[in-house]
Protein backbone atom coordinates (compact mmCIF):
# COMPACT_ATOMS: atom_id res chain seq x y z
CA MET A 1 -138.22 6.18 59.60
CA ASP A 2 -141.36 6.44 61.56
CA ASN A 3 -141.68 6.20 65.18
CA ALA A 4 -143.38 2.99 65.39
CA GLN A 5 -140.87 1.45 63.50
CA ASP A 6 -137.99 2.76 65.45
CA LYS A 7 -139.58 1.49 68.63
CA ALA A 8 -140.34 -1.91 66.85
CA LEU A 9 -136.32 -1.95 65.80
CA ASN A 10 -135.51 -1.02 69.18
CA THR A 11 -137.58 -3.79 70.59
CA LEU A 12 -135.91 -6.46 68.11
CA ASN A 13 -132.35 -4.98 69.14
CA ASP A 14 -133.13 -6.09 72.76
CA LEU A 15 -134.62 -9.38 71.76
CA VAL A 16 -131.58 -10.16 69.50
CA GLU A 17 -129.05 -9.58 72.43
CA THR A 18 -131.40 -11.40 74.71
CA ALA A 19 -131.19 -14.70 72.66
CA ARG A 20 -127.80 -14.17 71.51
CA ASP A 21 -126.75 -13.97 75.38
CA GLY A 22 -128.89 -17.41 75.84
CA GLN A 23 -127.32 -18.83 73.02
CA LYS A 24 -123.37 -18.12 74.71
CA GLY A 25 -125.06 -19.12 78.07
CA TYR A 26 -126.18 -22.45 77.03
CA GLU A 27 -123.15 -23.31 74.84
CA THR A 28 -121.08 -22.44 77.97
CA ALA A 29 -123.15 -24.50 80.10
CA ALA A 30 -123.31 -27.53 77.48
CA GLY A 31 -119.43 -27.24 77.48
CA ALA A 32 -119.12 -27.49 81.29
CA VAL A 33 -121.59 -30.48 82.01
CA ASP A 34 -120.66 -34.33 82.16
CA ASN A 35 -123.79 -35.60 81.86
CA PRO A 36 -124.42 -36.40 78.12
CA SER A 37 -128.24 -36.41 78.16
CA VAL A 38 -128.05 -32.93 80.11
CA LYS A 39 -125.20 -31.55 77.55
CA ALA A 40 -127.71 -32.54 74.63
CA GLU A 41 -130.40 -30.57 75.98
CA LEU A 42 -128.46 -27.74 76.39
CA GLU A 43 -126.90 -27.95 73.12
CA ARG A 44 -130.40 -27.76 71.77
CA PHE A 45 -131.26 -24.75 73.68
CA ALA A 46 -128.01 -23.00 72.27
CA GLN A 47 -129.25 -24.04 68.73
CA GLN A 48 -133.13 -22.98 69.73
CA ARG A 49 -131.37 -19.42 70.83
CA ALA A 50 -129.56 -19.19 67.24
CA ILE A 51 -132.54 -19.50 65.27
CA PHE A 52 -134.29 -17.05 67.59
CA VAL A 53 -131.39 -14.82 66.42
CA SER A 54 -131.97 -15.37 62.87
CA GLU A 55 -135.56 -14.91 62.75
CA LEU A 56 -135.50 -11.87 64.60
CA GLU A 57 -132.88 -10.74 62.52
CA SER A 58 -135.03 -11.44 59.37
CA LYS A 59 -138.03 -9.72 61.04
CA ALA A 60 -135.39 -6.29 61.53
CA GLN A 61 -134.27 -6.39 57.79
CA GLN A 62 -138.24 -6.96 56.74
CA LEU A 63 -139.04 -3.39 58.94
CA GLY A 64 -136.06 -2.03 56.84
CA GLY A 65 -133.56 -1.65 59.68
CA SER A 66 -130.88 -4.25 60.83
CA THR A 67 -130.13 -5.08 64.19
CA ARG A 68 -126.72 -3.58 65.82
CA ASN A 69 -124.07 -5.74 66.18
CA THR A 70 -121.97 -3.61 67.97
CA THR A 71 -118.34 -4.54 68.10
CA THR A 72 -116.95 -1.02 69.04
CA LEU A 73 -115.12 -1.22 72.51
CA GLU A 74 -118.22 0.74 73.78
CA GLY A 75 -120.23 -1.82 72.12
CA ALA A 76 -118.58 -4.95 73.93
CA ALA A 77 -118.57 -3.02 77.39
CA LEU A 78 -122.36 -2.50 76.50
CA GLN A 79 -122.84 -6.05 75.69
CA ALA A 80 -120.81 -7.43 78.47
CA ALA A 81 -123.09 -5.18 80.84
CA GLY A 82 -126.10 -6.42 79.33
CA ALA A 83 -125.27 -9.95 79.30
CA VAL A 84 -124.97 -9.16 83.54
CA HIS A 85 -128.15 -7.62 82.76
CA ARG A 86 -129.98 -10.46 81.19
CA GLY A 87 -129.30 -12.79 83.85
CA TRP A 88 -126.00 -14.68 82.65
CA ILE A 89 -123.93 -13.21 85.12
CA ASN A 90 -123.08 -15.77 87.71
CA LEU A 91 -122.79 -18.83 85.20
CA LYS A 92 -118.71 -18.55 84.86
CA ALA A 93 -118.65 -19.42 88.80
CA ALA A 94 -120.68 -22.33 88.66
CA VAL A 95 -118.95 -23.37 85.51
CA GLY A 96 -115.82 -22.91 87.54
CA ALA A 97 -117.21 -24.50 90.33
CA ASN A 98 -117.82 -27.86 87.93
CA ASP A 99 -121.19 -27.87 89.70
CA SER A 100 -123.89 -28.90 87.13
CA LYS A 101 -126.93 -28.16 89.30
CA ALA A 102 -125.87 -24.65 89.81
CA ILE A 103 -125.01 -24.34 86.07
CA LEU A 104 -128.44 -25.38 85.59
CA GLY A 105 -129.77 -22.93 87.81
CA GLU A 106 -127.86 -19.82 85.93
CA CYS A 107 -129.82 -21.30 82.99
CA GLU A 108 -132.94 -20.97 84.67
CA THR A 109 -131.81 -17.42 85.70
CA GLY A 110 -131.17 -16.68 82.33
CA ASP A 111 -134.14 -17.72 81.02
CA GLU A 112 -136.02 -15.66 83.74
CA ALA A 113 -134.55 -12.67 82.54
CA ALA A 114 -135.21 -13.61 78.73
CA LEU A 115 -138.90 -14.15 79.31
CA LYS A 116 -139.15 -10.62 81.19
CA ALA A 117 -137.69 -9.26 78.11
CA TYR A 118 -140.15 -10.95 75.86
CA ASP A 119 -142.92 -10.14 78.22
CA ALA A 120 -142.13 -6.54 77.87
CA ALA A 121 -141.74 -6.70 74.19
CA LEU A 122 -145.15 -8.42 73.92
CA HIS A 123 -146.85 -5.48 75.97
CA GLU A 124 -145.48 -2.71 73.31
CA GLN A 125 -147.84 -0.92 71.78
CA GLY A 126 -147.91 -0.89 68.20
CA LEU A 127 -145.75 -3.75 67.34
CA PRO A 128 -146.35 -5.35 63.87
CA VAL A 129 -148.77 -8.08 64.14
CA ASP A 130 -146.42 -10.66 62.20
CA LEU A 131 -143.51 -9.73 64.87
CA LYS A 132 -145.69 -9.97 67.61
CA THR A 133 -146.49 -13.64 66.63
CA VAL A 134 -142.78 -14.54 66.62
CA VAL A 135 -142.35 -12.94 70.14
CA GLN A 136 -145.05 -14.94 71.27
CA ARG A 137 -143.96 -18.09 69.82
CA GLN A 138 -140.30 -17.70 71.07
CA TYR A 139 -141.65 -16.74 74.62
CA GLN A 140 -143.80 -19.92 74.58
CA GLU A 141 -140.51 -21.76 73.64
CA ILE A 142 -138.05 -20.39 76.25
CA GLN A 143 -140.64 -21.11 78.81
CA ALA A 144 -140.81 -24.68 77.66
CA ALA A 145 -137.00 -24.55 77.57
CA LYS A 146 -136.89 -23.14 81.32
CA GLN A 147 -139.45 -25.95 82.85
CA THR A 148 -137.33 -28.48 81.02
CA ILE A 149 -134.00 -27.04 82.56
CA THR A 150 -136.09 -27.21 85.96
CA SER A 151 -136.81 -31.13 85.86
CA LEU A 152 -133.32 -31.67 84.47
CA LYS A 153 -131.83 -30.04 87.67
CA GLU A 154 -134.36 -31.84 89.97
CA ARG A 155 -133.21 -34.92 88.81
CA LEU A 156 -129.36 -34.23 89.29
């Protein structure tokens, strides 16, 4: 496996983890809000991130690799640390407080972290064009999701 391919797979792994965290974050958030229209939006974004994961995983397979699905103890600890790093750290507290505005604020934070990860990926040198296209589209969809969350939060 050449270096460019390794780099592309590492980038894909990061984005898969980012999208998975978003999916889990949105699922958690959706389960914690009472407002049916807010719940529906959050569920839609969870579904969107699940689609992102499968798109990214199929890109990894096309590159002849696969995305790590770490379930070892070390892997689980890394995933938890990663989730914290990727912006979903305070979601549980907001859920516990049953504060819809705070929950939406944590969704914004999670999406901000995702946008940073995607932006970094888009600035990677030597990513295959078809992969860059997928990353760019997902980046734009995350931006749109974040704007939706912000306007939902303002209406609460």
